[in-house]
């Protein structure tokens, strides 16, 4: 059975995520309205600007439906801003900023710095074989605190940010600080598609 994975199509690398999901055998569809959300087995929340995506979720009447699906066990993967939106707690957010929540982590927005501080490095991610991933960080968050329900699956391994947590999993939810959709390496999406299949039994 082919998993149908929605890509939240309000901002960010929607096409790139969809292409990576299709490469890994999922059916990828854009999600901009509740009827489209209702038709998917899982959801990818791309990068972008977390406060803008929060506002757009409300403008499109998607905030509560997405949150309800997450609470009901829908698998979701969030990259960069998607990580912030799936975190239970955010540091450095603007006044009134809310998240969808779901993962027992505290995330710091723009932790690695501004756009000019974007960088690339190789990472090992638990659950991903065949060597390290090349990870691209663009105005990325990092995870400052991980609660008991969540599991760290990736950290920066060298440089001034060595040891910083940049990938976490909690049940059917997966988040990364980095943007795997821009590298052509689809192994993060392969891991997520497997999570979705496992959730389908």
N, C-alpha and C. Protein backbone atom coordinates (compact mmCIF):
# COMPACT_ATOMS: atom_id res chain seq x y z
N UNK A 1 0.84 -1.19 0.00
CA UNK A 1 0.00 0.00 0.00
C UNK A 1 0.89 1.26 0.00
N UNK A 2 0.64 2.16 -0.93
CA UNK A 2 1.44 3.38 -1.04
C UNK A 2 0.97 4.40 -0.01
N UNK A 3 1.91 4.95 0.75
CA UNK A 3 1.58 5.98 1.73
C UNK A 3 1.36 7.31 1.00
N UNK A 4 0.30 8.01 1.38
CA UNK A 4 0.04 9.34 0.85
C UNK A 4 0.52 10.36 1.87
N UNK A 5 1.53 11.14 1.50
CA UNK A 5 2.14 12.09 2.42
C UNK A 5 1.88 13.50 1.93
N UNK A 6 1.24 14.30 2.75
CA UNK A 6 1.00 15.69 2.41
C UNK A 6 2.23 16.53 2.69
N UNK A 7 2.43 17.57 1.88
CA UNK A 7 3.46 18.57 2.16
C UNK A 7 2.73 19.90 2.37
N UNK A 8 2.85 20.45 3.56
CA UNK A 8 2.18 21.71 3.86
C UNK A 8 2.67 22.77 2.87
N UNK A 9 1.76 23.25 2.03
CA UNK A 9 2.16 24.07 0.88
C UNK A 9 1.83 25.55 1.11
N UNK A 10 2.24 26.07 2.26
CA UNK A 10 2.02 27.47 2.59
C UNK A 10 3.27 28.32 2.38
N UNK A 11 4.45 27.69 2.51
CA UNK A 11 5.72 28.39 2.38
C UNK A 11 6.82 27.33 2.35
N UNK A 12 7.95 27.64 1.74
CA UNK A 12 9.11 26.75 1.83
C UNK A 12 9.27 25.83 0.63
N UNK A 13 10.15 24.83 0.79
CA UNK A 13 10.57 23.96 -0.31
C UNK A 13 9.56 22.83 -0.56
N UNK A 14 8.37 23.20 -0.98
CA UNK A 14 7.29 22.21 -1.13
C UNK A 14 7.64 21.21 -2.24
N UNK A 15 8.02 21.70 -3.41
CA UNK A 15 8.33 20.81 -4.54
C UNK A 15 9.49 19.88 -4.23
N UNK A 16 10.51 20.42 -3.56
CA UNK A 16 11.69 19.62 -3.25
C UNK A 16 11.36 18.48 -2.29
N UNK A 17 10.55 18.78 -1.27
CA UNK A 17 10.12 17.71 -0.36
C UNK A 17 9.27 16.67 -1.10
N UNK A 18 8.36 17.15 -1.94
CA UNK A 18 7.49 16.23 -2.68
C UNK A 18 8.32 15.30 -3.57
N UNK A 19 9.33 15.87 -4.24
CA UNK A 19 10.18 15.07 -5.12
C UNK A 19 10.92 13.99 -4.33
N UNK A 20 11.45 14.36 -3.16
CA UNK A 20 12.18 13.39 -2.33
C UNK A 20 11.25 12.29 -1.83
N UNK A 21 10.04 12.65 -1.44
CA UNK A 21 9.06 11.65 -0.98
C UNK A 21 8.70 10.69 -2.10
N UNK A 22 8.48 11.22 -3.30
CA UNK A 22 8.14 10.37 -4.45
C UNK A 22 9.30 9.42 -4.78
N UNK A 23 10.52 9.94 -4.66
CA UNK A 23 11.70 9.10 -4.90
C UNK A 23 11.71 7.90 -3.96
N UNK A 24 11.22 8.08 -2.75
CA UNK A 24 11.21 7.02 -1.75
C UNK A 24 9.90 6.22 -1.72
N UNK A 25 9.09 6.37 -2.77
CA UNK A 25 7.95 5.49 -2.94
C UNK A 25 6.64 5.95 -2.35
N UNK A 26 6.60 7.17 -1.83
CA UNK A 26 5.35 7.71 -1.30
C UNK A 26 4.63 8.48 -2.41
N UNK A 27 3.35 8.70 -2.20
CA UNK A 27 2.58 9.61 -3.06
C UNK A 27 2.53 10.94 -2.33
N UNK A 28 3.10 11.98 -2.92
CA UNK A 28 3.19 13.29 -2.27
C UNK A 28 2.14 14.23 -2.84
N UNK A 29 1.43 14.92 -1.95
CA UNK A 29 0.39 15.87 -2.39
C UNK A 29 0.51 17.16 -1.58
N UNK A 30 0.29 18.31 -2.22
CA UNK A 30 0.31 19.57 -1.46
C UNK A 30 -0.93 19.70 -0.58
N UNK A 31 -0.76 20.31 0.57
CA UNK A 31 -1.87 20.51 1.51
C UNK A 31 -2.01 21.99 1.80
N UNK A 32 -3.16 22.56 1.39
CA UNK A 32 -3.46 23.96 1.69
C UNK A 32 -4.84 24.12 2.33
N UNK A 33 -5.62 23.05 2.33
CA UNK A 33 -6.97 23.15 2.91
C UNK A 33 -7.30 21.88 3.68
N UNK A 34 -8.33 21.96 4.49
CA UNK A 34 -8.67 20.85 5.39
C UNK A 34 -9.01 19.59 4.61
N UNK A 35 -9.71 19.72 3.50
CA UNK A 35 -10.08 18.53 2.72
C UNK A 35 -8.85 17.79 2.22
N UNK A 36 -7.77 18.53 1.91
CA UNK A 36 -6.52 17.89 1.47
C UNK A 36 -5.82 17.23 2.65
N UNK A 37 -5.86 17.88 3.82
CA UNK A 37 -5.28 17.29 5.02
C UNK A 37 -5.99 15.97 5.37
N UNK A 38 -7.30 15.98 5.23
CA UNK A 38 -8.09 14.78 5.58
C UNK A 38 -7.73 13.57 4.72
N UNK A 39 -7.14 13.83 3.55
CA UNK A 39 -6.90 12.74 2.59
C UNK A 39 -5.49 12.15 2.70
N UNK A 40 -4.66 12.66 3.63
CA UNK A 40 -3.27 12.18 3.70
C UNK A 40 -3.06 11.31 4.94
N UNK A 41 -2.02 10.46 4.85
CA UNK A 41 -1.64 9.59 5.97
C UNK A 41 -0.65 10.27 6.90
N UNK A 42 0.05 11.28 6.39
CA UNK A 42 1.12 11.93 7.14
C UNK A 42 1.36 13.31 6.55
N UNK A 43 2.19 14.10 7.24
CA UNK A 43 2.41 15.48 6.80
C UNK A 43 3.86 15.88 6.96
N UNK A 44 4.40 16.55 5.95
CA UNK A 44 5.71 17.18 6.04
C UNK A 44 5.51 18.69 6.17
N UNK A 45 6.19 19.30 7.15
CA UNK A 45 6.14 20.75 7.33
C UNK A 45 7.50 21.29 6.94
N UNK A 46 7.58 21.98 5.79
CA UNK A 46 8.88 22.45 5.28
C UNK A 46 9.44 23.59 6.11
N UNK A 47 10.68 23.98 5.73
CA UNK A 47 11.28 25.17 6.31
C UNK A 47 10.59 26.42 5.77
N UNK A 48 11.10 27.55 6.20
CA UNK A 48 10.50 28.84 5.87
C UNK A 48 10.65 29.74 7.08
N UNK A 49 9.64 30.50 7.38
CA UNK A 49 9.68 31.39 8.54
C UNK A 49 8.57 30.93 9.48
N UNK A 50 8.96 30.46 10.66
CA UNK A 50 7.99 29.77 11.53
C UNK A 50 6.82 30.66 11.94
N UNK A 51 7.09 31.96 12.19
CA UNK A 51 5.99 32.84 12.58
C UNK A 51 5.03 33.06 11.41
N UNK A 52 5.56 33.13 10.18
CA UNK A 52 4.71 33.29 9.00
C UNK A 52 3.87 32.04 8.77
N UNK A 53 4.48 30.88 8.90
CA UNK A 53 3.72 29.63 8.71
C UNK A 53 2.63 29.52 9.77
N UNK A 54 2.93 29.92 11.00
CA UNK A 54 1.93 29.92 12.07
C UNK A 54 0.73 30.78 11.67
N UNK A 55 1.01 31.99 11.15
CA UNK A 55 -0.08 32.89 10.74
C UNK A 55 -0.86 32.31 9.55
N UNK A 56 -0.14 31.71 8.60
CA UNK A 56 -0.81 31.14 7.43
C UNK A 56 -1.67 29.93 7.79
N UNK A 57 -1.20 29.12 8.74
CA UNK A 57 -2.02 27.99 9.21
C UNK A 57 -3.37 28.50 9.72
N UNK A 58 -3.34 29.61 10.43
CA UNK A 58 -4.60 30.17 10.95
C UNK A 58 -5.44 30.78 9.82
N UNK A 59 -4.76 31.49 8.89
CA UNK A 59 -5.48 32.13 7.79
C UNK A 59 -6.19 31.11 6.92
N UNK A 60 -5.58 29.92 6.78
CA UNK A 60 -6.17 28.86 5.96
C UNK A 60 -7.02 27.89 6.78
N UNK A 61 -7.28 28.26 8.04
CA UNK A 61 -8.10 27.42 8.96
C UNK A 61 -7.55 26.01 9.08
N UNK A 62 -6.21 25.92 9.11
CA UNK A 62 -5.56 24.61 9.21
C UNK A 62 -4.94 24.35 10.59
N UNK A 63 -4.80 25.38 11.41
CA UNK A 63 -4.06 25.21 12.67
C UNK A 63 -4.69 24.12 13.54
N UNK A 64 -5.96 24.27 13.87
CA UNK A 64 -6.60 23.29 14.74
C UNK A 64 -6.71 21.91 14.09
N UNK A 65 -7.09 21.81 12.80
CA UNK A 65 -7.15 20.49 12.17
C UNK A 65 -5.81 19.76 12.16
N UNK A 66 -4.72 20.49 11.88
CA UNK A 66 -3.41 19.83 11.89
C UNK A 66 -3.07 19.38 13.31
N UNK A 67 -3.30 20.25 14.27
CA UNK A 67 -2.98 19.90 15.66
C UNK A 67 -3.80 18.70 16.12
N UNK A 68 -5.06 18.66 15.72
CA UNK A 68 -5.91 17.52 16.09
C UNK A 68 -5.40 16.22 15.47
N UNK A 69 -4.97 16.28 14.20
CA UNK A 69 -4.42 15.08 13.55
C UNK A 69 -3.14 14.62 14.24
N UNK A 70 -2.29 15.56 14.61
CA UNK A 70 -1.06 15.21 15.32
C UNK A 70 -1.37 14.53 16.64
N UNK A 71 -2.32 15.07 17.37
CA UNK A 71 -2.69 14.47 18.65
C UNK A 71 -3.31 13.10 18.49
N UNK A 72 -3.91 12.86 17.33
CA UNK A 72 -4.52 11.55 17.04
C UNK A 72 -3.50 10.54 16.51
N UNK A 73 -2.23 10.97 16.38
CA UNK A 73 -1.18 10.03 16.00
C UNK A 73 -0.69 10.11 14.57
N UNK A 74 -1.09 11.15 13.82
CA UNK A 74 -0.61 11.27 12.45
C UNK A 74 0.91 11.47 12.44
N UNK A 75 1.66 10.70 11.64
CA UNK A 75 3.09 10.95 11.51
C UNK A 75 3.34 12.31 10.86
N UNK A 76 4.40 12.96 11.29
CA UNK A 76 4.78 14.25 10.69
C UNK A 76 6.28 14.39 10.74
N UNK A 77 6.82 15.07 9.73
CA UNK A 77 8.23 15.41 9.67
C UNK A 77 8.36 16.91 9.46
N UNK A 78 9.17 17.56 10.27
CA UNK A 78 9.39 18.99 10.14
C UNK A 78 10.86 19.31 9.97
N UNK A 79 11.18 20.11 8.94
CA UNK A 79 12.57 20.55 8.73
C UNK A 79 12.67 22.04 9.02
N UNK A 80 13.67 22.43 9.80
CA UNK A 80 13.96 23.83 10.12
C UNK A 80 12.74 24.50 10.77
N UNK A 81 12.01 25.35 10.07
CA UNK A 81 10.81 25.96 10.66
C UNK A 81 9.81 24.89 11.07
N UNK A 82 9.77 23.79 10.33
CA UNK A 82 8.89 22.68 10.70
C UNK A 82 9.25 22.09 12.05
N UNK A 83 10.55 22.06 12.38
CA UNK A 83 10.97 21.62 13.70
C UNK A 83 10.40 22.53 14.78
N UNK A 84 10.46 23.85 14.53
CA UNK A 84 9.94 24.81 15.51
C UNK A 84 8.45 24.60 15.71
N UNK A 85 7.73 24.38 14.61
CA UNK A 85 6.27 24.24 14.70
C UNK A 85 5.85 22.95 15.41
N UNK A 86 6.69 21.91 15.36
CA UNK A 86 6.35 20.65 16.02
C UNK A 86 6.89 20.56 17.44
N UNK A 87 7.65 21.56 17.86
CA UNK A 87 8.20 21.58 19.22
C UNK A 87 7.12 22.04 20.22
N UNK A 88 7.20 21.49 21.42
CA UNK A 88 6.27 21.93 22.47
C UNK A 88 6.62 23.30 23.02
N UNK A 89 7.92 23.66 22.95
CA UNK A 89 8.36 24.92 23.56
C UNK A 89 9.37 25.62 22.63
N UNK A 90 9.29 26.96 22.56
CA UNK A 90 10.17 27.74 21.68
C UNK A 90 10.81 28.87 22.47
N UNK A 91 12.11 29.04 22.28
CA UNK A 91 12.84 30.19 22.82
C UNK A 91 13.16 31.13 21.67
N UNK A 92 13.11 32.43 21.94
CA UNK A 92 13.44 33.41 20.90
C UNK A 92 12.31 33.66 19.92
N UNK A 93 11.10 33.22 20.25
CA UNK A 93 9.95 33.47 19.39
C UNK A 93 9.43 34.89 19.56
N UNK A 94 8.58 35.30 18.63
CA UNK A 94 7.97 36.62 18.77
C UNK A 94 6.78 36.51 19.72
N UNK A 95 6.34 37.64 20.23
CA UNK A 95 5.23 37.64 21.17
C UNK A 95 3.98 37.05 20.50
N UNK A 96 3.35 36.10 21.20
CA UNK A 96 2.15 35.48 20.68
C UNK A 96 2.39 34.30 19.76
N UNK A 97 3.66 34.02 19.44
CA UNK A 97 3.94 32.88 18.56
C UNK A 97 3.53 31.57 19.23
N UNK A 98 2.82 30.75 18.49
CA UNK A 98 2.40 29.45 18.99
C UNK A 98 2.94 28.36 18.08
N UNK A 99 3.00 27.15 18.61
CA UNK A 99 3.40 26.01 17.82
C UNK A 99 2.28 24.99 17.79
N UNK A 100 2.39 24.07 16.86
CA UNK A 100 1.45 22.95 16.82
C UNK A 100 1.76 21.98 17.95
N UNK A 101 3.04 21.85 18.28
CA UNK A 101 3.47 20.96 19.35
C UNK A 101 3.43 19.50 18.94
N UNK A 102 3.80 18.65 19.87
CA UNK A 102 3.80 17.22 19.63
C UNK A 102 5.08 16.54 20.07
N UNK A 103 6.20 17.28 19.99
CA UNK A 103 7.49 16.71 20.41
C UNK A 103 7.97 17.43 21.68
N UNK A 104 8.36 16.66 22.67
CA UNK A 104 8.72 17.17 23.98
C UNK A 104 10.14 17.75 23.94
N UNK A 105 10.28 18.88 23.23
CA UNK A 105 11.57 19.55 23.10
C UNK A 105 11.38 21.06 23.25
N UNK A 106 12.48 21.71 23.64
CA UNK A 106 12.57 23.17 23.62
C UNK A 106 13.53 23.55 22.51
N UNK A 107 13.05 24.37 21.57
CA UNK A 107 13.84 24.76 20.40
C UNK A 107 14.14 26.25 20.46
N UNK A 108 15.37 26.61 20.08
CA UNK A 108 15.72 28.03 19.99
C UNK A 108 15.72 28.46 18.53
N UNK A 109 14.89 29.44 18.20
CA UNK A 109 14.83 29.98 16.84
C UNK A 109 16.14 30.64 16.44
N UNK A 110 16.50 30.50 15.15
CA UNK A 110 17.69 31.17 14.59
C UNK A 110 18.93 30.99 15.46
N UNK A 111 19.05 29.81 16.08
CA UNK A 111 20.11 29.59 17.06
C UNK A 111 21.50 29.66 16.44
N UNK A 112 21.62 29.22 15.19
CA UNK A 112 22.92 29.22 14.54
C UNK A 112 23.27 30.58 13.93
N UNK A 113 22.36 31.55 14.03
CA UNK A 113 22.64 32.88 13.51
C UNK A 113 21.77 33.24 12.32
N UNK A 114 22.14 34.33 11.68
CA UNK A 114 21.36 34.86 10.56
C UNK A 114 21.69 34.12 9.27
N UNK A 115 21.09 34.59 8.17
CA UNK A 115 21.29 33.95 6.86
C UNK A 115 22.78 33.83 6.51
N UNK A 116 23.57 34.86 6.86
CA UNK A 116 25.00 34.84 6.53
C UNK A 116 25.75 33.78 7.32
N UNK A 117 25.14 33.29 8.40
CA UNK A 117 25.78 32.27 9.23
C UNK A 117 25.36 30.86 8.83
N UNK A 118 24.66 30.73 7.72
CA UNK A 118 24.27 29.41 7.23
C UNK A 118 25.53 28.59 6.95
N UNK A 119 25.43 27.28 7.14
CA UNK A 119 26.61 26.44 6.95
C UNK A 119 26.19 25.02 6.58
N UNK A 120 27.18 24.22 6.18
CA UNK A 120 26.95 22.83 5.82
C UNK A 120 27.94 21.96 6.58
N UNK A 121 27.51 20.75 6.92
CA UNK A 121 28.40 19.81 7.61
C UNK A 121 27.87 18.40 7.41
N UNK A 122 28.68 17.41 7.73
CA UNK A 122 28.25 16.02 7.65
C UNK A 122 27.81 15.54 9.02
N UNK A 123 26.72 14.76 9.03
CA UNK A 123 26.13 14.28 10.28
C UNK A 123 25.83 12.79 10.19
N UNK A 124 25.89 12.13 11.34
CA UNK A 124 25.36 10.77 11.46
C UNK A 124 24.00 10.86 12.15
N UNK A 125 23.00 10.19 11.56
CA UNK A 125 21.65 10.21 12.11
C UNK A 125 21.25 8.78 12.46
N UNK A 126 20.81 8.57 13.69
CA UNK A 126 20.35 7.24 14.10
C UNK A 126 19.18 6.82 13.22
N UNK A 127 19.25 5.60 12.70
CA UNK A 127 18.19 5.10 11.83
C UNK A 127 18.49 5.29 10.36
N UNK A 128 19.60 5.97 10.05
CA UNK A 128 20.00 6.19 8.65
C UNK A 128 21.36 5.56 8.42
N UNK A 129 21.40 4.61 7.50
CA UNK A 129 22.63 3.86 7.22
C UNK A 129 23.39 4.46 6.03
N UNK A 130 24.45 3.78 5.64
CA UNK A 130 25.25 4.11 4.45
C UNK A 130 26.02 5.42 4.60
N UNK A 131 26.53 5.67 5.78
CA UNK A 131 27.42 6.81 5.96
C UNK A 131 26.72 8.08 6.37
N UNK A 132 27.52 9.13 6.63
CA UNK A 132 26.93 10.39 7.11
C UNK A 132 26.11 11.10 6.05
N UNK A 133 25.22 11.96 6.52
CA UNK A 133 24.43 12.84 5.65
C UNK A 133 25.15 14.17 5.51
N UNK A 134 25.03 14.78 4.34
CA UNK A 134 25.48 16.16 4.18
C UNK A 134 24.30 17.06 4.53
N UNK A 135 24.46 17.87 5.57
CA UNK A 135 23.34 18.66 6.09
C UNK A 135 23.57 20.15 5.82
N UNK A 136 22.49 20.82 5.38
CA UNK A 136 22.53 22.25 5.07
C UNK A 136 21.68 22.98 6.12
N UNK A 137 22.30 23.92 6.82
CA UNK A 137 21.63 24.70 7.87
C UNK A 137 21.46 26.13 7.39
N UNK A 138 20.20 26.62 7.35
CA UNK A 138 19.90 27.97 6.88
C UNK A 138 19.06 28.67 7.96
N UNK A 139 19.65 29.64 8.64
CA UNK A 139 18.95 30.32 9.76
C UNK A 139 18.29 29.28 10.66
N UNK A 140 19.05 28.27 11.02
CA UNK A 140 18.47 27.07 11.63
C UNK A 140 18.29 27.19 13.13
N UNK A 141 17.28 26.48 13.65
CA UNK A 141 17.15 26.33 15.10
C UNK A 141 18.05 25.21 15.60
N UNK A 142 18.22 25.14 16.91
CA UNK A 142 18.73 23.91 17.52
C UNK A 142 17.86 23.57 18.71
N UNK A 143 18.02 22.37 19.23
CA UNK A 143 17.22 21.89 20.36
C UNK A 143 18.02 22.10 21.63
N UNK A 144 17.46 22.87 22.56
CA UNK A 144 18.15 23.17 23.81
C UNK A 144 17.81 22.17 24.90
N UNK A 145 16.63 21.58 24.83
CA UNK A 145 16.20 20.68 25.90
C UNK A 145 15.34 19.58 25.31
N UNK A 146 15.56 18.36 25.74
CA UNK A 146 14.80 17.21 25.26
C UNK A 146 14.13 16.55 26.46
N UNK A 147 12.80 16.45 26.42
CA UNK A 147 12.07 15.80 27.49
C UNK A 147 12.16 14.28 27.39
N UNK A 148 11.65 13.58 28.39
CA UNK A 148 11.80 12.13 28.45
C UNK A 148 11.09 11.37 27.35
N UNK A 149 10.09 11.99 26.72
CA UNK A 149 9.33 11.28 25.68
C UNK A 149 10.05 11.28 24.34
N UNK A 150 11.03 12.17 24.16
CA UNK A 150 11.69 12.35 22.87
C UNK A 150 13.08 11.74 22.89
N UNK A 151 13.60 11.42 21.69
CA UNK A 151 14.91 10.78 21.56
C UNK A 151 15.77 11.59 20.59
N UNK A 152 16.97 11.94 21.02
CA UNK A 152 17.92 12.62 20.15
C UNK A 152 18.45 11.60 19.13
N UNK A 153 18.38 11.96 17.84
CA UNK A 153 18.90 11.06 16.79
C UNK A 153 20.01 11.69 15.97
N UNK A 154 20.35 12.97 16.24
CA UNK A 154 21.45 13.59 15.50
C UNK A 154 21.98 14.82 16.19
N UNK A 155 23.32 14.96 16.17
CA UNK A 155 23.99 16.13 16.74
C UNK A 155 25.05 16.62 15.76
N UNK A 156 25.35 17.91 15.83
CA UNK A 156 26.50 18.44 15.09
C UNK A 156 27.76 17.81 15.67
N UNK A 157 28.66 17.37 14.80
CA UNK A 157 29.79 16.57 15.26
C UNK A 157 31.11 17.33 15.34
N UNK A 158 31.19 18.53 14.77
CA UNK A 158 32.44 19.28 14.82
C UNK A 158 32.20 20.76 14.74
N UNK A 159 33.28 21.53 14.87
CA UNK A 159 33.17 22.98 14.76
C UNK A 159 32.65 23.61 16.04
N UNK A 160 32.36 24.92 16.00
CA UNK A 160 31.94 25.64 17.20
C UNK A 160 30.59 25.18 17.74
N UNK A 161 29.77 24.53 16.90
CA UNK A 161 28.45 24.07 17.35
C UNK A 161 28.45 22.59 17.71
N UNK A 162 29.62 21.99 17.86
CA UNK A 162 29.71 20.55 18.15
C UNK A 162 28.87 20.19 19.37
N UNK A 163 28.11 19.11 19.21
CA UNK A 163 27.27 18.62 20.30
C UNK A 163 25.85 19.15 20.27
N UNK A 164 25.59 20.19 19.48
CA UNK A 164 24.23 20.74 19.42
C UNK A 164 23.28 19.72 18.81
N UNK A 165 22.09 19.62 19.40
CA UNK A 165 21.08 18.65 18.95
C UNK A 165 20.35 19.21 17.75
N UNK A 166 20.34 18.44 16.64
CA UNK A 166 19.73 18.94 15.40
C UNK A 166 18.76 17.94 14.76
N UNK A 167 18.50 16.81 15.42
CA UNK A 167 17.51 15.86 14.92
C UNK A 167 16.94 15.09 16.10
N UNK A 168 15.61 15.01 16.15
CA UNK A 168 14.91 14.37 17.27
C UNK A 168 13.73 13.57 16.72
N UNK A 169 13.44 12.46 17.38
CA UNK A 169 12.26 11.68 17.03
C UNK A 169 11.43 11.41 18.28
N UNK A 170 10.14 11.44 18.14
CA UNK A 170 9.22 11.04 19.20
C UNK A 170 8.08 10.27 18.56
N UNK A 171 8.08 8.95 18.69
CA UNK A 171 7.06 8.13 18.06
C UNK A 171 7.03 8.36 16.56
N UNK A 172 5.86 8.73 16.01
CA UNK A 172 5.77 8.94 14.56
C UNK A 172 6.16 10.34 14.11
N UNK A 173 6.76 11.13 15.01
CA UNK A 173 7.15 12.50 14.68
C UNK A 173 8.67 12.58 14.58
N UNK A 174 9.15 13.27 13.54
CA UNK A 174 10.57 13.41 13.27
C UNK A 174 10.85 14.88 12.93
N UNK A 175 11.92 15.44 13.48
CA UNK A 175 12.28 16.82 13.15
C UNK A 175 13.79 16.93 12.94
N UNK A 176 14.18 17.83 12.01
CA UNK A 176 15.59 18.15 11.80
C UNK A 176 15.75 19.66 11.70
N UNK A 177 16.89 20.17 12.18
CA UNK A 177 17.21 21.59 12.03
C UNK A 177 17.56 21.93 10.60
N UNK A 178 18.04 20.92 9.87
CA UNK A 178 18.60 21.15 8.54
C UNK A 178 17.59 20.83 7.45
N UNK A 179 17.99 21.09 6.20
CA UNK A 179 17.13 20.97 5.03
C UNK A 179 17.60 19.81 4.14
N UNK A 180 17.14 18.59 4.38
CA UNK A 180 17.60 17.48 3.53
C UNK A 180 17.06 17.53 2.11
N UNK A 181 16.01 18.31 1.91
CA UNK A 181 15.37 18.36 0.58
C UNK A 181 16.23 19.09 -0.45
N UNK A 182 17.25 19.83 0.00
CA UNK A 182 18.03 20.62 -0.95
C UNK A 182 19.31 19.92 -1.41
N UNK A 183 19.61 18.75 -0.87
CA UNK A 183 20.90 18.11 -1.16
C UNK A 183 20.82 17.00 -2.19
N UNK A 184 19.62 16.50 -2.48
CA UNK A 184 19.51 15.35 -3.38
C UNK A 184 19.67 14.02 -2.66
N UNK A 185 20.03 14.04 -1.37
CA UNK A 185 20.12 12.83 -0.56
C UNK A 185 18.76 12.63 0.11
N UNK A 186 18.07 11.56 -0.26
CA UNK A 186 16.68 11.37 0.20
C UNK A 186 16.57 10.41 1.38
N UNK A 187 17.67 10.17 2.09
CA UNK A 187 17.60 9.18 3.17
C UNK A 187 16.76 9.62 4.37
N UNK A 188 16.69 10.91 4.66
CA UNK A 188 15.80 11.37 5.74
C UNK A 188 14.36 11.10 5.33
N UNK A 189 14.03 11.37 4.08
CA UNK A 189 12.67 11.11 3.60
C UNK A 189 12.38 9.60 3.57
N UNK A 190 13.39 8.80 3.26
CA UNK A 190 13.23 7.33 3.32
C UNK A 190 12.88 6.89 4.73
N UNK A 191 13.60 7.44 5.72
CA UNK A 191 13.31 7.13 7.12
C UNK A 191 11.88 7.53 7.47
N UNK A 192 11.47 8.73 7.03
CA UNK A 192 10.12 9.18 7.37
C UNK A 192 9.06 8.33 6.68
N UNK A 193 9.27 7.99 5.43
CA UNK A 193 8.29 7.14 4.73
C UNK A 193 8.17 5.79 5.45
N UNK A 194 9.28 5.27 5.96
CA UNK A 194 9.22 4.02 6.73
C UNK A 194 8.44 4.20 8.03
N UNK A 195 8.63 5.35 8.69
CA UNK A 195 7.84 5.66 9.89
C UNK A 195 6.34 5.66 9.55
N UNK A 196 5.99 6.27 8.40
CA UNK A 196 4.58 6.33 8.00
C UNK A 196 4.06 4.92 7.75
N UNK A 197 4.83 4.09 7.04
CA UNK A 197 4.40 2.72 6.75
C UNK A 197 4.23 1.92 8.03
N UNK A 198 5.17 2.10 8.97
CA UNK A 198 5.06 1.38 10.24
C UNK A 198 3.80 1.79 10.98
N UNK A 199 3.44 3.08 10.89
CA UNK A 199 2.24 3.56 11.59
C UNK A 199 0.97 2.99 10.97
N UNK A 200 1.06 2.60 9.69
CA UNK A 200 -0.10 2.01 9.02
C UNK A 200 -0.26 0.53 9.34
N UNK A 201 0.73 -0.01 10.05
CA UNK A 201 0.66 -1.41 10.44
C UNK A 201 1.09 -2.35 9.34
